Amino acid sequence: MNLKAVLSSWSPLGLLLLVFCSPISVMATTLEDMQISADVDMKTMAPKNPKSKFVDSVANIWATAFLDGAPAGTSVSVRWYVINQGEYEKLVENKIDIEGSRYIAFRLQPVKNKKLPTGEYQVDFILNGKKVGSQVFTVVSAKPVATSAKGKSCIPSEAEDEKLVLSLAAKQPAIKKELAALKLMRYQDPQNRFSLIVPGGWFQAENASPNQALYLSQNKADNPVFTFIVSVYNVNLSPKFSAMDAVNQLHKMLLDEGKKHSAKIIQNKVDQLTTDFAAGNLLMSYNSSSGKEYGQLHTILADRKYAVDIQLNGEEKVMDTALFLYQLATQSIRTERICELHK
């Protein structure tokens, strides 16, 4: 499909980008809680139903952020891009001058009777001319979800995800009070390599390495309380290289890196689950340069195509929450990976 030709058939940019603001209050100056969602609260303009995947017939896609304590003359803008074979093609940008503390919501809306082109998109959030964060999402064709040979979708339903969340939370009563604040959501990798449940209200940082598919942090400080990282490695299985080999190689790499930081190894386990599926757990603790004690948790899942490393770092004081998020991410992806093997 010629994307430019499709876009040029829309009026006049092929997109309608509208800006909405919630009531003013005054605090410190930051742009936070940047999200992509299917809906917003029309009173506060706060995001509702955060998502990373939309069908091409979608009526609205919202990019929202919380502007905190901005002085008069503060400018906020968003740039929408479609990613085509690694190239970023700018679709549209809108800029507003604003002040105070409020949610700001930008709406991407196809022209009537038109559909968004399928593919991967990125939204850059810009505060006073400086990019402060990005969010990515995909648009797919409105057709049935791919299913396994048994006719069941490999992506769990919202009801199945909710059941998993509640079952894990029941084992940690203190977590129940945090569920609303965590804004849990299923993240779908734009390249369809994995999906898993993650906290939806965190800051999405730019990936630090080519293998990192997702990098979330609870705050933007140099030493955030939490970081949630998913890395993906291609696996080319052959008679001489198995899923277990992939897990073992990644484990060795992570252990070597831990030794550089004098990490204490708490758990190191690798299991061959099936002929073409292996998993490993690696738990470490270490002291940061500031003297704070951190826990680092890894689960590695390898199948015929990919090895996925789920990493969660957390300060010692919040390790109960970190462990809950770690277990939730691991179990939410594991079911999907096993299902994919049987397709």
Protein backbone atom coordinates (compact mmCIF):
# COMPACT_ATOMS: atom_id res chain seq x y z
CA MET A 1 0.00 0.00 0.00
CA ASN A 2 1.27 3.49 -0.87
CA LEU A 3 0.86 5.21 2.48
CA LYS A 4 1.30 8.74 1.16
CA ALA A 5 -1.31 8.11 -1.50
CA VAL A 6 -3.75 6.89 1.14
CA LEU A 7 -3.06 9.85 3.40
CA SER A 8 -3.35 12.33 0.55
CA SER A 9 -6.87 11.08 -0.06
CA TRP A 10 -7.84 12.33 3.38
CA SER A 11 -8.76 15.95 3.92
CA PRO A 12 -6.52 18.12 4.05
CA LEU A 13 -3.96 16.14 6.09
CA GLY A 14 -6.17 13.08 6.26
CA LEU A 15 -6.41 13.42 10.05
CA LEU A 16 -8.31 15.47 12.56
CA LEU A 17 -6.25 16.30 15.65
CA LEU A 18 -8.24 17.91 18.44
CA VAL A 19 -7.00 19.20 21.80
CA PHE A 20 -8.95 19.04 25.06
CA CYS A 21 -7.99 20.33 28.52
CA SER A 22 -9.23 19.72 32.05
CA PRO A 23 -9.66 22.43 34.74
CA ILE A 24 -6.61 24.38 35.93
CA SER A 25 -4.62 24.07 39.17
CA VAL A 26 -0.98 25.00 39.82
CA MET A 27 1.92 22.76 40.90
CA ALA A 28 5.46 21.94 39.65
CA THR A 29 6.35 21.90 35.94
CA THR A 30 6.51 18.45 34.31
CA LEU A 31 4.75 16.44 31.64
CA GLU A 32 3.91 13.02 33.04
CA ASP A 33 1.66 9.96 32.65
CA MET A 34 1.96 9.91 28.84
CA GLN A 35 -0.41 7.29 27.47
CA ILE A 36 -2.29 6.11 24.39
CA SER A 37 -5.86 5.10 25.05
CA ALA A 38 -9.17 4.31 23.44
CA ASP A 39 -11.12 6.84 25.49
CA VAL A 40 -10.80 9.66 28.01
CA ASP A 41 -12.82 11.00 30.91
CA MET A 42 -14.56 13.95 29.28
CA LYS A 43 -14.54 15.93 32.54
CA THR A 44 -10.87 15.56 33.50
CA MET A 45 -9.47 14.38 30.14
CA ALA A 46 -7.65 11.57 32.02
CA PRO A 47 -7.04 8.42 29.93
CA LYS A 48 -9.47 5.51 30.02
CA ASN A 49 -8.72 2.04 28.69
CA PRO A 50 -5.00 2.46 27.81
CA LYS A 51 -4.11 0.31 24.80
CA SER A 52 -1.23 -0.36 22.45
CA LYS A 53 -3.23 -2.03 19.68
CA PHE A 54 -6.21 -0.71 17.67
CA VAL A 55 -8.20 -1.96 14.69
CA ASP A 56 -8.14 0.16 11.52
CA SER A 57 -11.83 1.00 11.90
CA VAL A 58 -11.21 2.75 15.24
CA ALA A 59 -13.03 6.06 15.62
CA ASN A 60 -10.58 7.77 17.99
CA ILE A 61 -7.09 7.26 19.35
CA TRP A 62 -6.12 9.50 22.26
CA ALA A 63 -2.66 10.65 23.34
CA THR A 64 -2.84 12.03 26.87
CA ALA A 65 -0.42 13.48 29.39
CA PHE A 66 -0.60 15.29 32.71
CA LEU A 67 0.89 18.80 32.68
CA ASP A 68 1.92 19.66 36.21
CA GLY A 69 2.33 23.28 37.40
CA ALA A 70 3.21 25.00 34.12
CA PRO A 71 3.74 28.80 34.05
CA ALA A 72 2.03 31.01 31.47
CA GLY A 73 3.44 30.56 27.98
CA THR A 74 4.27 26.86 28.38
CA SER A 75 3.95 25.02 25.08
CA VAL A 76 2.98 21.37 24.66
CA SER A 77 2.83 19.54 21.38
CA VAL A 78 2.55 16.00 20.04
CA ARG A 79 3.88 14.57 16.80
CA TRP A 80 2.26 11.51 15.28
CA TYR A 81 4.41 9.23 13.11
CA VAL A 82 3.79 6.07 11.14
CA ILE A 83 6.80 3.73 11.03
CA ASN A 84 7.39 2.19 7.62
CA GLN A 85 10.34 -0.24 7.32
CA GLY A 86 12.21 1.58 10.05
CA GLU A 87 11.54 5.04 8.60
CA TYR A 88 9.47 7.53 10.63
CA GLU A 89 6.96 9.38 8.47
CA LYS A 90 5.44 12.38 10.21
CA LEU A 91 1.66 12.50 9.88
CA VAL A 92 0.62 15.56 11.83
CA GLU A 93 1.63 17.81 14.72
CA ASN A 94 -0.30 20.19 16.92
CA LYS A 95 1.00 22.71 19.45
CA ILE A 96 -0.79 24.60 22.19
CA ASP A 97 0.24 27.24 24.72
CA ILE A 98 -1.08 26.40 28.17
CA GLU A 99 -0.55 26.93 31.90
CA GLY A 100 -1.43 25.31 35.22
CA SER A 101 -1.92 21.64 36.08
CA ARG A 102 -4.25 19.54 34.02
CA TYR A 103 -4.62 16.56 31.73
CA ILE A 104 -4.18 17.35 28.05
CA ALA A 105 -5.68 15.03 25.46
CA PHE A 106 -4.93 14.95 21.74
CA ARG A 107 -7.23 12.95 19.51
CA LEU A 108 -6.25 11.22 16.28
CA GLN A 109 -9.45 10.80 14.29
CA PRO A 110 -9.75 9.46 10.73
CA VAL A 111 -11.87 11.42 8.31
CA LYS A 112 -15.43 10.12 8.07
CA ASN A 113 -15.74 6.81 6.19
CA LYS A 114 -11.94 6.38 6.11
CA LYS A 115 -9.72 3.91 7.98
CA LEU A 116 -6.30 4.37 9.50
CA PRO A 117 -3.53 2.60 7.55
CA THR A 118 -2.39 -0.55 9.35
CA GLY A 119 1.10 -0.58 10.83
CA GLU A 120 3.18 0.74 13.70
CA TYR A 121 2.84 4.30 14.99
CA GLN A 122 4.73 6.51 17.44
CA VAL A 123 3.65 9.63 19.29
CA ASP A 124 6.29 12.05 20.60
CA PHE A 125 5.36 14.33 23.52
CA ILE A 126 7.14 17.70 23.46
CA LEU A 127 7.33 20.21 26.31
CA ASN A 128 8.67 23.68 25.46
CA GLY A 129 10.33 22.37 22.33
CA LYS A 130 12.02 19.39 24.04
CA LYS A 131 10.94 15.79 23.52
CA VAL A 132 10.16 14.30 26.95
CA GLY A 133 8.72 10.91 26.01
CA SER A 134 7.17 8.67 23.38
CA GLN A 135 4.47 6.05 23.12
CA VAL A 136 4.06 3.43 20.40
CA PHE A 137 0.97 1.61 19.20
CA THR A 138 -0.13 -0.50 16.26
CA VAL A 139 -3.13 -0.43 13.97
CA VAL A 140 -4.24 -3.80 12.62
CA SER A 141 -6.86 -4.92 10.14
CA ALA A 142 -10.29 -5.54 11.64
CA LYS A 143 -10.27 -9.26 11.03
CA PRO A 144 -10.48 -12.27 13.37
CA VAL A 145 -7.59 -12.72 15.79
CA ALA A 146 -5.19 -15.51 14.86
CA THR A 147 -6.08 -18.68 16.70
CA SER A 148 -4.33 -21.88 17.62
CA ALA A 149 -5.08 -25.23 16.03
CA LYS A 150 -7.67 -25.78 18.73
CA GLY A 151 -9.50 -22.61 17.75
CA LYS A 152 -8.57 -20.54 20.81
CA SER A 153 -6.86 -17.16 20.60
CA CYS A 154 -3.36 -17.09 22.02
CA ILE A 155 -3.98 -13.61 23.46
CA PRO A 156 -5.91 -14.07 26.73
CA SER A 157 -9.21 -12.23 27.07
CA GLU A 158 -9.67 -9.32 29.47
CA ALA A 159 -11.69 -11.63 31.73
CA GLU A 160 -8.84 -14.18 31.79
CA ASP A 161 -6.32 -11.44 32.59
CA GLU A 162 -8.51 -10.09 35.39
CA LYS A 163 -8.81 -13.58 36.86
CA LEU A 164 -5.00 -13.92 36.85
CA VAL A 165 -4.53 -10.52 38.49
CA LEU A 166 -7.00 -11.28 41.26
CA SER A 167 -5.60 -14.75 41.92
CA LEU A 168 -2.07 -13.38 42.37
CA ALA A 169 -3.26 -10.39 44.39
CA ALA A 170 -5.15 -12.72 46.74
CA LYS A 171 -1.78 -14.17 47.81
CA GLN A 172 -0.53 -10.68 48.74
CA PRO A 173 -3.37 -8.84 50.55
CA ALA A 174 -1.43 -5.55 50.67
CA ILE A 175 -1.31 -5.47 46.87
CA LYS A 176 -5.09 -5.15 46.56
CA LYS A 177 -4.83 -1.51 47.68
CA GLU A 178 -2.33 -0.78 44.89
CA LEU A 179 -4.19 -2.32 41.96
CA ALA A 180 -6.03 0.86 40.93
CA ALA A 181 -2.83 2.94 41.01
CA LEU A 182 -0.93 0.37 38.94
CA LYS A 183 -3.41 0.73 36.04
CA LEU A 184 -2.61 -2.78 34.85
CA MET A 185 -2.98 -3.43 31.12
CA ARG A 186 -1.91 -6.01 28.54
CA TYR A 187 0.88 -4.67 26.35
CA GLN A 188 1.00 -6.06 22.81
CA ASP A 189 4.41 -5.84 21.15
CA PRO A 190 4.04 -3.89 17.86
CA GLN A 191 5.94 -6.67 16.05
CA ASN A 192 3.63 -9.34 17.58
CA ARG A 193 6.51 -11.16 19.29
CA PHE A 194 4.91 -11.22 22.74
CA SER A 195 2.21 -9.75 24.96
CA LEU A 196 2.11 -9.47 28.73
CA ILE A 197 0.52 -7.54 31.59
CA VAL A 198 2.37 -4.40 32.67
CA PRO A 199 1.66 -1.34 34.85
CA GLY A 200 -0.08 1.16 32.59
CA GLY A 201 0.68 4.42 34.38
CA TRP A 202 4.48 4.35 34.15
CA PHE A 203 6.86 6.49 32.12
CA GLN A 204 8.00 4.83 28.89
CA ALA A 205 11.67 5.62 28.39
CA GLU A 206 13.59 5.32 25.14
CA ASN A 207 15.09 1.87 24.78
CA ALA A 208 18.72 1.70 25.88
CA SER A 209 19.75 -1.16 23.56
CA PRO A 210 18.59 -2.64 20.23
CA ASN A 211 17.23 -5.75 21.96
CA GLN A 212 14.99 -3.85 24.38
CA ALA A 213 11.37 -3.97 23.25
CA LEU A 214 9.86 -2.16 26.25
CA TYR A 215 11.35 0.06 28.96
CA LEU A 216 9.05 1.41 31.68
CA SER A 217 10.00 3.28 34.85
CA GLN A 218 7.79 4.43 37.70
CA ASN A 219 9.43 7.85 37.71
CA LYS A 220 11.97 9.76 35.61
CA ALA A 221 14.67 10.12 38.29
CA ASP A 222 18.23 8.90 37.68
CA ASN A 223 17.52 6.01 40.08
CA PRO A 224 13.81 5.22 39.68
CA VAL A 225 12.04 3.16 42.33
CA PHE A 226 10.97 0.62 39.68
CA THR A 227 12.10 -0.26 36.18
CA PHE A 228 10.34 -2.80 33.99
CA ILE A 229 12.29 -3.97 30.94
CA VAL A 230 11.49 -6.53 28.25
CA SER A 231 14.26 -7.58 25.84
CA VAL A 232 13.74 -9.84 22.82
CA TYR A 233 16.39 -11.91 21.03
CA ASN A 234 15.96 -13.84 17.79
CA VAL A 235 16.44 -17.59 18.16
CA ASN A 236 17.46 -19.68 15.17
CA LEU A 237 16.90 -23.24 16.34
CA SER A 238 18.87 -26.01 14.71
CA PRO A 239 19.84 -29.53 15.77
CA LYS A 240 22.91 -28.02 17.41
CA PHE A 241 21.16 -25.07 19.10
CA SER A 242 18.10 -25.54 21.29
CA ALA A 243 15.77 -23.32 23.31
CA MET A 244 17.69 -24.47 26.39
CA ASP A 245 20.93 -23.24 24.81
CA ALA A 246 19.33 -19.82 24.27
CA VAL A 247 18.27 -19.61 27.92
CA ASN A 248 21.69 -20.76 29.13
CA GLN A 249 23.48 -18.17 27.01
CA LEU A 250 21.31 -15.33 28.29
CA HIS A 251 21.70 -16.54 31.87
CA LYS A 252 25.47 -16.49 31.52
CA MET A 253 25.37 -12.98 30.07
CA LEU A 254 23.17 -11.74 32.94
CA LEU A 255 25.31 -13.47 35.57
CA ASP A 256 28.48 -11.94 34.15
CA GLU A 257 26.86 -8.52 34.24
CA GLY A 258 25.71 -9.09 37.83
CA LYS A 259 29.25 -10.01 38.91
CA LYS A 260 30.49 -6.65 37.62
CA HIS A 261 28.19 -5.00 40.18
CA SER A 262 28.98 -7.46 42.99
CA ALA A 263 25.43 -8.80 42.87
CA LYS A 264 24.32 -11.50 45.28
CA ILE A 265 22.70 -14.45 43.48
CA ILE A 266 19.47 -15.48 45.23
CA GLN A 267 18.07 -17.89 42.64
CA ASN A 268 19.44 -19.31 39.40
CA LYS A 269 17.27 -21.93 37.72
CA VAL A 270 16.80 -23.21 34.16
CA ASP A 271 14.14 -25.71 33.03
CA GLN A 272 13.52 -27.54 29.76
CA LEU A 273 9.71 -27.38 29.63
CA THR A 274 9.21 -29.03 26.22
CA THR A 275 11.45 -29.97 23.31
CA ASP A 276 11.19 -26.45 21.87
CA PHE A 277 10.46 -24.40 24.98
CA ALA A 278 12.73 -23.55 27.91
CA ALA A 279 12.55 -21.11 30.80
CA GLY A 280 14.86 -19.71 33.43
CA ASN A 281 14.63 -17.59 36.57
CA LEU A 282 17.42 -15.42 37.92
CA LEU A 283 17.07 -13.32 41.08
CA MET A 284 19.85 -11.03 42.26
CA SER A 285 20.35 -8.22 44.75
CA TYR A 286 22.92 -5.45 44.62
CA ASN A 287 23.75 -2.04 46.06
CA SER A 288 23.57 1.01 43.83
CA SER A 289 26.19 3.77 43.78
CA SER A 290 23.91 5.75 46.11
CA GLY A 291 23.96 2.91 48.67
CA LYS A 292 20.36 1.80 48.11
CA GLU A 293 19.70 -1.93 47.92
CA TYR A 294 17.96 -3.16 44.80
CA GLY A 295 16.46 -6.47 43.75
CA GLN A 296 16.74 -7.58 40.13
CA LEU A 297 14.40 -10.28 38.84
CA HIS A 298 14.65 -12.02 35.47
CA THR A 299 12.53 -14.58 33.70
CA ILE A 300 13.72 -15.83 30.32
CA LEU A 301 11.37 -17.73 28.00
CA ALA A 302 12.72 -19.21 24.77
CA ASP A 303 10.83 -21.01 22.01
CA ARG A 304 11.35 -21.67 18.30
CA LYS A 305 11.45 -17.98 17.37
CA TYR A 306 12.39 -15.72 20.27
CA ALA A 307 14.00 -15.56 23.67
CA VAL A 308 12.18 -13.01 25.84
CA ASP A 309 13.84 -11.62 28.97
CA ILE A 310 11.48 -9.99 31.47
CA GLN A 311 13.45 -7.87 33.94
CA LEU A 312 12.12 -5.94 36.90
CA ASN A 313 14.33 -3.85 39.20
CA GLY A 314 13.02 -2.48 42.47
CA GLU A 315 14.27 -0.90 45.66
CA GLU A 316 14.24 -3.19 48.66
CA LYS A 317 11.40 -1.23 50.30
CA VAL A 318 9.02 -1.99 47.41
CA MET A 319 10.02 -5.55 46.62
CA ASP A 320 6.58 -6.95 47.52
CA THR A 321 5.03 -4.92 44.71
CA ALA A 322 7.97 -5.70 42.42
CA LEU A 323 7.52 -9.43 43.02
CA PHE A 324 3.79 -9.20 42.27
CA LEU A 325 4.41 -7.37 38.97
CA TYR A 326 7.16 -9.83 38.11
CA GLN A 327 4.95 -12.87 38.70
CA LEU A 328 2.08 -11.26 36.82
CA ALA A 329 4.21 -10.46 33.78
CA THR A 330 5.79 -13.91 33.76
CA GLN A 331 2.54 -15.86 34.03
CA SER A 332 0.70 -13.62 31.56
CA ILE A 333 3.29 -14.20 28.84
CA ARG A 334 3.98 -17.87 29.59
CA THR A 335 0.47 -19.03 28.66
CA GLU A 336 0.66 -17.11 25.40
CA ARG A 337 4.07 -18.53 24.46
CA ILE A 338 2.96 -22.12 25.07
CA CYS A 339 -0.18 -21.50 23.00
CA GLU A 340 1.94 -20.10 20.13
CA LEU A 341 4.00 -23.31 20.08
CA HIS A 342 0.90 -25.33 19.24
CA LYS A 343 -0.40 -23.14 16.45
